[in-house]
Amino acid sequence: MTAKRKVDVFSAGCPACEETIDMVERVACPSCEVTVLDMNDANVASRAKSLGIRSVPAIAIDGNLADCCADRGPDETSLRAAGLGQAIP
């Protein structure tokens, strides 16, 4: 049996996610096993959280969050710096 590279795409079904799924499927080789995971499923969302996924689309390869998908998502400090939570004078 040939070893497979496990590629998980975490998706919410939005157009940006669909575009990423298409790209991953286009780039994947015959030894890549691509699985699309629905973030609306509580088990998938829990797994995503354990991997450090903060926004979608996100990709994990062989159980590790791809570097391009790390350190994304809402950040309270950045949002506050942009004015969130501050009254308009």
PDB file of N, CA and C in Angstrom:
ATOM      1  N   MET A   1       0.838  -1.188   0.000  1.00  0.00           N
ATOM      2  CA  MET A   1       0.000   0.000   0.000  1.00  0.00           C
ATOM      3  C   MET A   1       0.880   1.247   0.000  1.00  0.00           C
ATOM      4  N   THR A   2       0.544   2.189  -0.814  1.00  0.00           N
ATOM      5  CA  THR A   2       1.300   3.430  -0.930  1.00  0.00           C
ATOM      6  C   THR A   2       0.878   4.406   0.157  1.00  0.00           C
ATOM      7  N   ALA A   3       1.854   5.059   0.769  1.00  0.00           N
ATOM      8  CA  ALA A   3       1.559   6.052   1.808  1.00  0.00           C
ATOM      9  C   ALA A   3       0.861   7.250   1.176  1.00  0.00           C
ATOM     10  N   LYS A   4      -0.071   7.807   1.908  1.00  0.00           N
ATOM     11  CA  LYS A   4      -0.818   8.984   1.445  1.00  0.00           C
ATOM     12  C   LYS A   4      -0.521  10.170   2.350  1.00  0.00           C
ATOM     13  N   ARG A   5      -0.460  11.351   1.740  1.00  0.00           N
ATOM     14  CA  ARG A   5      -0.345  12.595   2.496  1.00  0.00           C
ATOM     15  C   ARG A   5      -1.776  13.035   2.793  1.00  0.00           C
ATOM     16  N   LYS A   6      -2.107  13.229   4.070  1.00  0.00           N
ATOM     17  CA  LYS A   6      -3.467  13.597   4.480  1.00  0.00           C
ATOM     18  C   LYS A   6      -3.607  15.111   4.469  1.00  0.00           C
ATOM     19  N   VAL A   7      -4.513  15.592   3.650  1.00  0.00           N
ATOM     20  CA  VAL A   7      -4.761  17.030   3.514  1.00  0.00           C
ATOM     21  C   VAL A   7      -6.205  17.303   3.926  1.00  0.00           C
ATOM     22  N   ASP A   8      -6.385  18.063   5.007  1.00  0.00           N
ATOM     23  CA  ASP A   8      -7.711  18.425   5.480  1.00  0.00           C
ATOM     24  C   ASP A   8      -7.956  19.905   5.199  1.00  0.00           C
ATOM     25  N   VAL A   9      -9.062  20.185   4.528  1.00  0.00           N
ATOM     26  CA  VAL A   9      -9.457  21.563   4.252  1.00  0.00           C
ATOM     27  C   VAL A   9     -10.650  21.871   5.147  1.00  0.00           C
ATOM     28  N   PHE A  10     -10.487  22.835   6.039  1.00  0.00           N
ATOM     29  CA  PHE A  10     -11.561  23.256   6.934  1.00  0.00           C
ATOM     30  C   PHE A  10     -12.330  24.364   6.235  1.00  0.00           C
ATOM     31  N   SER A  11     -13.627  24.152   6.057  1.00  0.00           N
ATOM     32  CA  SER A  11     -14.436  25.046   5.244  1.00  0.00           C
ATOM     33  C   SER A  11     -15.763  25.372   5.913  1.00  0.00           C
ATOM     34  N   ALA A  12     -16.261  26.577   5.632  1.00  0.00           N
ATOM     35  CA  ALA A  12     -17.600  26.968   6.073  1.00  0.00           C
ATOM     36  C   ALA A  12     -18.553  27.024   4.885  1.00  0.00           C
ATOM     37  N   GLY A  13     -18.073  26.605   3.717  1.00  0.00           N
ATOM     38  CA  GLY A  13     -18.921  26.577   2.533  1.00  0.00           C
ATOM     39  C   GLY A  13     -19.056  27.911   1.819  1.00  0.00           C
ATOM     40  N   CYS A  14     -18.271  28.896   2.212  1.00  0.00           N
ATOM     41  CA  CYS A  14     -18.353  30.217   1.592  1.00  0.00           C
ATOM     42  C   CYS A  14     -17.574  30.228   0.268  1.00  0.00           C
ATOM     43  N   PRO A  15     -17.756  31.265  -0.559  1.00  0.00           N
ATOM     44  CA  PRO A  15     -17.035  31.338  -1.824  1.00  0.00           C
ATOM     45  C   PRO A  15     -15.500  31.292  -1.661  1.00  0.00           C
ATOM     46  N   ALA A  16     -14.965  31.933  -0.629  1.00  0.00           N
ATOM     47  CA  ALA A  16     -13.509  31.888  -0.417  1.00  0.00           C
ATOM     48  C   ALA A  16     -13.066  30.463  -0.095  1.00  0.00           C
ATOM     49  N   CYS A  17     -13.876  29.747   0.678  1.00  0.00           N
ATOM     50  CA  CYS A  17     -13.558  28.353   1.006  1.00  0.00           C
ATOM     51  C   CYS A  17     -13.611  27.492  -0.251  1.00  0.00           C
ATOM     52  N   GLU A  18     -14.637  27.680  -1.055  1.00  0.00           N
ATOM     53  CA  GLU A  18     -14.781  26.899  -2.288  1.00  0.00           C
ATOM     54  C   GLU A  18     -13.596  27.141  -3.217  1.00  0.00           C
ATOM     55  N   GLU A  19     -13.134  28.368  -3.304  1.00  0.00           N
ATOM     56  CA  GLU A  19     -11.973  28.697  -4.134  1.00  0.00           C
ATOM     57  C   GLU A  19     -10.733  27.960  -3.619  1.00  0.00           C
ATOM     58  N   THR A  20     -10.570  27.920  -2.311  1.00  0.00           N
ATOM     59  CA  THR A  20      -9.429  27.218  -1.712  1.00  0.00           C
ATOM     60  C   THR A  20      -9.525  25.717  -1.957  1.00  0.00           C
ATOM     61  N   ILE A  21     -10.708  25.154  -1.818  1.00  0.00           N
ATOM     62  CA  ILE A  21     -10.904  23.729  -2.080  1.00  0.00           C
ATOM     63  C   ILE A  21     -10.515  23.407  -3.521  1.00  0.00           C
ATOM     64  N   ASP A  22     -10.972  24.228  -4.457  1.00  0.00           N
ATOM     65  CA  ASP A  22     -10.630  24.022  -5.866  1.00  0.00           C
ATOM     66  C   ASP A  22      -9.119  24.062  -6.076  1.00  0.00           C
ATOM     67  N   MET A  23      -8.444  25.018  -5.436  1.00  0.00           N
ATOM     68  CA  MET A  23      -7.002  25.151  -5.576  1.00  0.00           C
ATOM     69  C   MET A  23      -6.276  23.937  -5.004  1.00  0.00           C
ATOM     70  N   VAL A  24      -6.686  23.503  -3.816  1.00  0.00           N
ATOM     71  CA  VAL A  24      -6.048  22.344  -3.188  1.00  0.00           C
ATOM     72  C   VAL A  24      -6.242  21.107  -4.058  1.00  0.00           C
ATOM     73  N   GLU A  25      -7.438  20.899  -4.567  1.00  0.00           N
ATOM     74  CA  GLU A  25      -7.701  19.732  -5.410  1.00  0.00           C
ATOM     75  C   GLU A  25      -6.914  19.796  -6.715  1.00  0.00           C
ATOM     76  N   ARG A  26      -6.700  20.997  -7.225  1.00  0.00           N
ATOM     77  CA  ARG A  26      -5.933  21.167  -8.467  1.00  0.00           C
ATOM     78  C   ARG A  26      -4.458  20.867  -8.236  1.00  0.00           C
ATOM     79  N   VAL A  27      -3.924  21.290  -7.088  1.00  0.00           N
ATOM     80  CA  VAL A  27      -2.502  21.148  -6.785  1.00  0.00           C
ATOM     81  C   VAL A  27      -2.165  19.759  -6.243  1.00  0.00           C
ATOM     82  N   ALA A  28      -3.120  19.101  -5.624  1.00  0.00           N
ATOM     83  CA  ALA A  28      -2.879  17.796  -4.992  1.00  0.00           C
ATOM     84  C   ALA A  28      -2.373  16.775  -6.011  1.00  0.00           C
ATOM     85  N   CYS A  29      -1.464  15.915  -5.542  1.00  0.00           N
ATOM     86  CA  CYS A  29      -0.925  14.853  -6.386  1.00  0.00           C
ATOM     87  C   CYS A  29      -1.655  13.545  -6.075  1.00  0.00           C
ATOM     88  N   PRO A  30      -1.390  12.501  -6.833  1.00  0.00           N
ATOM     89  CA  PRO A  30      -2.066  11.227  -6.586  1.00  0.00           C
ATOM     90  C   PRO A  30      -1.820  10.652  -5.182  1.00  0.00           C
ATOM     91  N   SER A  31      -0.732  11.045  -4.523  1.00  0.00           N
ATOM     92  CA  SER A  31      -0.482  10.529  -3.177  1.00  0.00           C
ATOM     93  C   SER A  31      -1.107  11.411  -2.093  1.00  0.00           C
ATOM     94  N   CYS A  32      -1.868  12.425  -2.490  1.00  0.00           N
ATOM     95  CA  CYS A  32      -2.565  13.290  -1.533  1.00  0.00           C
ATOM     96  C   CYS A  32      -4.000  12.813  -1.367  1.00  0.00           C
ATOM     97  N   GLU A  33      -4.409  12.681  -0.117  1.00  0.00           N
ATOM     98  CA  GLU A  33      -5.791  12.333   0.203  1.00  0.00           C
ATOM     99  C   GLU A  33      -6.454  13.584   0.769  1.00  0.00           C
ATOM    100  N   VAL A  34      -7.251  14.252  -0.068  1.00  0.00           N
ATOM    101  CA  VAL A  34      -7.873  15.523   0.311  1.00  0.00           C
ATOM    102  C   VAL A  34      -9.265  15.268   0.901  1.00  0.00           C
ATOM    103  N   THR A  35      -9.496  15.836   2.090  1.00  0.00           N
ATOM    104  CA  THR A  35     -10.789  15.740   2.748  1.00  0.00           C
ATOM    105  C   THR A  35     -11.262  17.149   3.080  1.00  0.00           C
ATOM    106  N   VAL A  36     -12.504  17.455   2.719  1.00  0.00           N
ATOM    107  CA  VAL A  36     -13.101  18.747   3.051  1.00  0.00           C
ATOM    108  C   VAL A  36     -13.934  18.549   4.309  1.00  0.00           C
ATOM    109  N   LEU A  37     -13.658  19.365   5.322  1.00  0.00           N
ATOM    110  CA  LEU A  37     -14.332  19.257   6.612  1.00  0.00           C
ATOM    111  C   LEU A  37     -15.222  20.478   6.844  1.00  0.00           C
ATOM    112  N   ASP A  38     -16.461  20.234   7.235  1.00  0.00           N
ATOM    113  CA  ASP A  38     -17.464  21.283   7.426  1.00  0.00           C
ATOM    114  C   ASP A  38     -17.379  21.846   8.843  1.00  0.00           C
ATOM    115  N   MET A  39     -17.014  23.105   8.955  1.00  0.00           N
ATOM    116  CA  MET A  39     -16.877  23.750  10.258  1.00  0.00           C
ATOM    117  C   MET A  39     -18.203  23.907  10.994  1.00  0.00           C
ATOM    118  N   ASN A  40     -19.331  23.654  10.322  1.00  0.00           N
ATOM    119  CA  ASN A  40     -20.623  23.699  10.999  1.00  0.00           C
ATOM    120  C   ASN A  40     -20.856  22.450  11.852  1.00  0.00           C
ATOM    121  N   ASP A  41     -20.004  21.450  11.701  1.00  0.00           N
ATOM    122  CA  ASP A  41     -20.055  20.233  12.514  1.00  0.00           C
ATOM    123  C   ASP A  41     -19.252  20.487  13.791  1.00  0.00           C
ATOM    124  N   ALA A  42     -19.858  20.279  14.944  1.00  0.00           N
ATOM    125  CA  ALA A  42     -19.207  20.573  16.233  1.00  0.00           C
ATOM    126  C   ALA A  42     -17.908  19.801  16.415  1.00  0.00           C
ATOM    127  N   ASN A  43     -17.850  18.554  15.951  1.00  0.00           N
ATOM    128  CA  ASN A  43     -16.619  17.771  16.082  1.00  0.00           C
ATOM    129  C   ASN A  43     -15.499  18.354  15.234  1.00  0.00           C
ATOM    130  N   VAL A  44     -15.839  18.802  14.040  1.00  0.00           N
ATOM    131  CA  VAL A  44     -14.849  19.424  13.154  1.00  0.00           C
ATOM    132  C   VAL A  44     -14.363  20.734  13.768  1.00  0.00           C
ATOM    133  N   ALA A  45     -15.290  21.539  14.276  1.00  0.00           N
ATOM    134  CA  ALA A  45     -14.925  22.815  14.897  1.00  0.00           C
ATOM    135  C   ALA A  45     -14.007  22.602  16.094  1.00  0.00           C
ATOM    136  N   SER A  46     -14.273  21.559  16.872  1.00  0.00           N
ATOM    137  CA  SER A  46     -13.431  21.244  18.026  1.00  0.00           C
ATOM    138  C   SER A  46     -12.023  20.842  17.576  1.00  0.00           C
ATOM    139  N   ARG A  47     -11.953  20.033  16.544  1.00  0.00           N
ATOM    140  CA  ARG A  47     -10.641  19.637  16.014  1.00  0.00           C
ATOM    141  C   ARG A  47      -9.896  20.855  15.477  1.00  0.00           C
ATOM    142  N   ALA A  48     -10.606  21.718  14.767  1.00  0.00           N
ATOM    143  CA  ALA A  48      -9.991  22.930  14.227  1.00  0.00           C
ATOM    144  C   ALA A  48      -9.405  23.777  15.348  1.00  0.00           C
ATOM    145  N   LYS A  49     -10.153  23.922  16.412  1.00  0.00           N
ATOM    146  CA  LYS A  49      -9.675  24.714  17.551  1.00  0.00           C
ATOM    147  C   LYS A  49      -8.411  24.101  18.137  1.00  0.00           C
ATOM    148  N   SER A  50      -8.370  22.775  18.231  1.00  0.00           N
ATOM    149  CA  SER A  50      -7.188  22.114  18.794  1.00  0.00           C
ATOM    150  C   SER A  50      -5.956  22.293  17.914  1.00  0.00           C
ATOM    151  N   LEU A  51      -6.174  22.526  16.618  1.00  0.00           N
ATOM    152  CA  LEU A  51      -5.062  22.771  15.690  1.00  0.00           C
ATOM    153  C   LEU A  51      -4.640  24.244  15.671  1.00  0.00           C
ATOM    154  N   GLY A  52      -5.427  25.097  16.325  1.00  0.00           N
ATOM    155  CA  GLY A  52      -5.118  26.525  16.338  1.00  0.00           C
ATOM    156  C   GLY A  52      -5.763  27.294  15.201  1.00  0.00           C
ATOM    157  N   ILE A  53      -6.734  26.692  14.540  1.00  0.00           N
ATOM    158  CA  ILE A  53      -7.414  27.371  13.435  1.00  0.00           C
ATOM    159  C   ILE A  53      -8.341  28.433  14.005  1.00  0.00           C
ATOM    160  N   ARG A  54      -8.162  29.666  13.488  1.00  0.00           N
ATOM    161  CA  ARG A  54      -8.958  30.792  13.965  1.00  0.00           C
ATOM    162  C   ARG A  54      -9.825  31.386  12.878  1.00  0.00           C
ATOM    163  N   SER A  55      -9.608  30.963  11.637  1.00  0.00           N
ATOM    164  CA  SER A  55     -10.440  31.440  10.540  1.00  0.00           C
ATOM    165  C   SER A  55     -10.410  30.401   9.426  1.00  0.00           C
ATOM    166  N   VAL A  56     -11.390  30.474   8.566  1.00  0.00           N
ATOM    167  CA  VAL A  56     -11.456  29.559   7.429  1.00  0.00           C
ATOM    168  C   VAL A  56     -11.461  30.358   6.142  1.00  0.00           C
ATOM    169  N   PRO A  57     -10.996  29.780   5.066  1.00  0.00           N
ATOM    170  CA  PRO A  57     -10.540  28.413   4.942  1.00  0.00           C
ATOM    171  C   PRO A  57      -9.173  28.210   5.601  1.00  0.00           C
ATOM    172  N   ALA A  58      -8.939  26.987   6.040  1.00  0.00           N
ATOM    173  CA  ALA A  58      -7.660  26.616   6.629  1.00  0.00           C
ATOM    174  C   ALA A  58      -7.320  25.200   6.189  1.00  0.00           C
ATOM    175  N   ILE A  59      -6.028  24.906   6.141  1.00  0.00           N
ATOM    176  CA  ILE A  59      -5.577  23.615   5.645  1.00  0.00           C
ATOM    177  C   ILE A  59      -4.588  23.007   6.630  1.00  0.00           C
ATOM    178  N   ALA A  60      -4.811  21.739   6.931  1.00  0.00           N
ATOM    179  CA  ALA A  60      -3.863  20.974   7.735  1.00  0.00           C
ATOM    180  C   ALA A  60      -3.301  19.872   6.841  1.00  0.00           C
ATOM    181  N   ILE A  61      -1.990  19.715   6.884  1.00  0.00           N
ATOM    182  CA  ILE A  61      -1.328  18.677   6.096  1.00  0.00           C
ATOM    183  C   ILE A  61      -0.644  17.730   7.066  1.00  0.00           C
ATOM    184  N   ASP A  62      -1.016  16.477   6.972  1.00  0.00           N
ATOM    185  CA  ASP A  62      -0.509  15.438   7.876  1.00  0.00           C
ATOM    186  C   ASP A  62      -0.667  15.847   9.337  1.00  0.00           C
ATOM    187  N   GLY A  63      -1.818  16.449   9.658  1.00  0.00           N
ATOM    188  CA  GLY A  63      -2.144  16.785  11.044  1.00  0.00           C
ATOM    189  C   GLY A  63      -1.558  18.079  11.561  1.00  0.00           C
ATOM    190  N   ASN A  64      -0.860  18.831  10.705  1.00  0.00           N
ATOM    191  CA  ASN A  64      -0.259  20.103  11.118  1.00  0.00           C
ATOM    192  C   ASN A  64      -0.851  21.249  10.317  1.00  0.00           C
ATOM    193  N   LEU A  65      -1.232  22.308  11.012  1.00  0.00           N
ATOM    194  CA  LEU A  65      -1.770  23.490  10.350  1.00  0.00           C
ATOM    195  C   LEU A  65      -0.709  24.075   9.432  1.00  0.00           C
ATOM    196  N   ALA A  66      -1.055  24.287   8.174  1.00  0.00           N
ATOM    197  CA  ALA A  66      -0.117  24.875   7.211  1.00  0.00           C
ATOM    198  C   ALA A  66       0.261  26.282   7.655  1.00  0.00           C
ATOM    199  N   ASP A  67       1.533  26.639   7.474  1.00  0.00           N
ATOM    200  CA  ASP A  67       2.029  27.950   7.903  1.00  0.00           C
ATOM    201  C   ASP A  67       1.188  29.095   7.363  1.00  0.00           C
ATOM    202  N   CYS A  68       0.671  28.950   6.152  1.00  0.00           N
ATOM    203  CA  CYS A  68      -0.112  30.027   5.544  1.00  0.00           C
ATOM    204  C   CYS A  68      -1.434  30.262   6.270  1.00  0.00           C
ATOM    205  N   CYS A  69      -1.836  29.317   7.105  1.00  0.00           N
ATOM    206  CA  CYS A  69      -3.128  29.406   7.787  1.00  0.00           C
ATOM    207  C   CYS A  69      -3.004  29.762   9.265  1.00  0.00           C
ATOM    208  N   ALA A  70      -1.792  29.933   9.742  1.00  0.00           N
ATOM    209  CA  ALA A  70      -1.571  30.233  11.159  1.00  0.00           C
ATOM    210  C   ALA A  70      -1.665  31.737  11.414  1.00  0.00           C
ATOM    211  N   ASP A  71      -1.933  32.090  12.652  1.00  0.00           N
ATOM    212  CA  ASP A  71      -1.952  33.492  13.092  1.00  0.00           C
ATOM    213  C   ASP A  71      -2.927  34.354  12.317  1.00  0.00           C
ATOM    214  N   ARG A  72      -4.056  33.775  11.966  1.00  0.00           N
ATOM    215  CA  ARG A  72      -5.096  34.552  11.304  1.00  0.00           C
ATOM    216  C   ARG A  72      -6.318  34.572  12.185  1.00  0.00           C
ATOM    217  N   GLY A  73      -7.261  35.371  11.826  1.00  0.00           N
ATOM    218  CA  GLY A  73      -8.504  35.440  12.579  1.00  0.00           C
ATOM    219  C   GLY A  73      -8.581  36.709  13.391  1.00  0.00           C
ATOM    220  N   PRO A  74      -9.737  36.950  13.970  1.00  0.00           N
ATOM    221  CA  PRO A  74      -9.939  38.161  14.753  1.00  0.00           C
ATOM    222  C   PRO A  74      -8.994  38.219  15.948  1.00  0.00           C
ATOM    223  N   ASP A  75      -8.505  39.393  16.196  1.00  0.00           N
ATOM    224  CA  ASP A  75      -7.600  39.630  17.318  1.00  0.00           C
ATOM    225  C   ASP A  75      -8.116  40.856  18.063  1.00  0.00           C
ATOM    226  N   GLU A  76      -8.440  40.690  19.340  1.00  0.00           N
ATOM    227  CA  GLU A  76      -9.049  41.771  20.107  1.00  0.00           C
ATOM    228  C   GLU A  76      -8.191  43.025  20.113  1.00  0.00           C
ATOM    229  N   THR A  77      -6.903  42.893  20.297  1.00  0.00           N
ATOM    230  CA  THR A  77      -6.016  44.061  20.353  1.00  0.00           C
ATOM    231  C   THR A  77      -6.077  44.856  19.055  1.00  0.00           C
ATOM    232  N   SER A  78      -6.007  44.146  17.918  1.00  0.00           N
ATOM    233  CA  SER A  78      -6.067  44.823  16.617  1.00  0.00           C
ATOM    234  C   SER A  78      -7.418  45.482  16.393  1.00  0.00           C
ATOM    235  N   LEU A  79      -8.493  44.793  16.797  1.00  0.00           N
ATOM    236  CA  LEU A  79      -9.832  45.365  16.618  1.00  0.00           C
ATOM    237  C   LEU A  79     -10.023  46.611  17.474  1.00  0.00           C
ATOM    238  N   ARG A  80      -9.524  46.565  18.703  1.00  0.00           N
ATOM    239  CA  ARG A  80      -9.627  47.744  19.564  1.00  0.00           C
ATOM    240  C   ARG A  80      -8.817  48.909  18.987  1.00  0.00           C
ATOM    241  N   ALA A  81      -7.646  48.618  18.437  1.00  0.00           N
ATOM    242  CA  ALA A  81      -6.817  49.648  17.812  1.00  0.00           C
ATOM    243  C   ALA A  81      -7.526  50.263  16.615  1.00  0.00           C
ATOM    244  N   ALA A  82      -8.390  49.498  15.967  1.00  0.00           N
ATOM    245  CA  ALA A  82      -9.141  50.000  14.816  1.00  0.00           C
ATOM    246  C   ALA A  82     -10.390  50.746  15.224  1.00  0.00           C
ATOM    247  N   GLY A  83     -10.697  50.779  16.533  1.00  0.00           N
ATOM    248  CA  GLY A  83     -11.818  51.563  17.020  1.00  0.00           C
ATOM    249  C   GLY A  83     -12.959  50.778  17.616  1.00  0.00           C
ATOM    250  N   LEU A  84     -12.916  49.449  17.565  1.00  0.00           N
ATOM    251  CA  LEU A  84     -13.986  48.647  18.141  1.00  0.00           C
ATOM    252  C   LEU A  84     -14.077  48.879  19.650  1.00  0.00           C
ATOM    253  N   GLY A  85     -15.278  49.140  20.131  1.00  0.00           N
ATOM    254  CA  GLY A  85     -15.486  49.360  21.549  1.00  0.00           C
ATOM    255  C   GLY A  85     -15.245  50.777  21.995  1.00  0.00           C
ATOM    256  N   GLN A  86     -15.016  51.659  21.052  1.00  0.00           N
ATOM    257  CA  GLN A  86     -14.751  53.067  21.392  1.00  0.00           C
ATOM    258  C   GLN A  86     -15.882  53.933  20.820  1.00  0.00           C
ATOM    259  N   ALA A  87     -16.469  54.727  21.672  1.00  0.00           N
ATOM    260  CA  ALA A  87     -17.535  55.608  21.232  1.00  0.00           C
ATOM    261  C   ALA A  87     -17.017  56.642  20.236  1.00  0.00           C
ATOM    262  N   ILE A  88     -17.870  57.032  19.337  1.00  0.00           N
ATOM    263  CA  ILE A  88     -17.504  58.095  18.398  1.00  0.00           C
ATOM    264  C   ILE A  88     -17.783  59.414  19.072  1.00  0.00           C
ATOM    265  N   PRO A  89     -16.754  60.287  19.148  1.00  0.00           N
ATOM    266  CA  PRO A  89     -16.934  61.570  19.843  1.00  0.00           C
ATOM    267  C   PRO A  89     -17.903  62.491  19.125  1.00  0.00           C
TER     268      PRO A  89
END
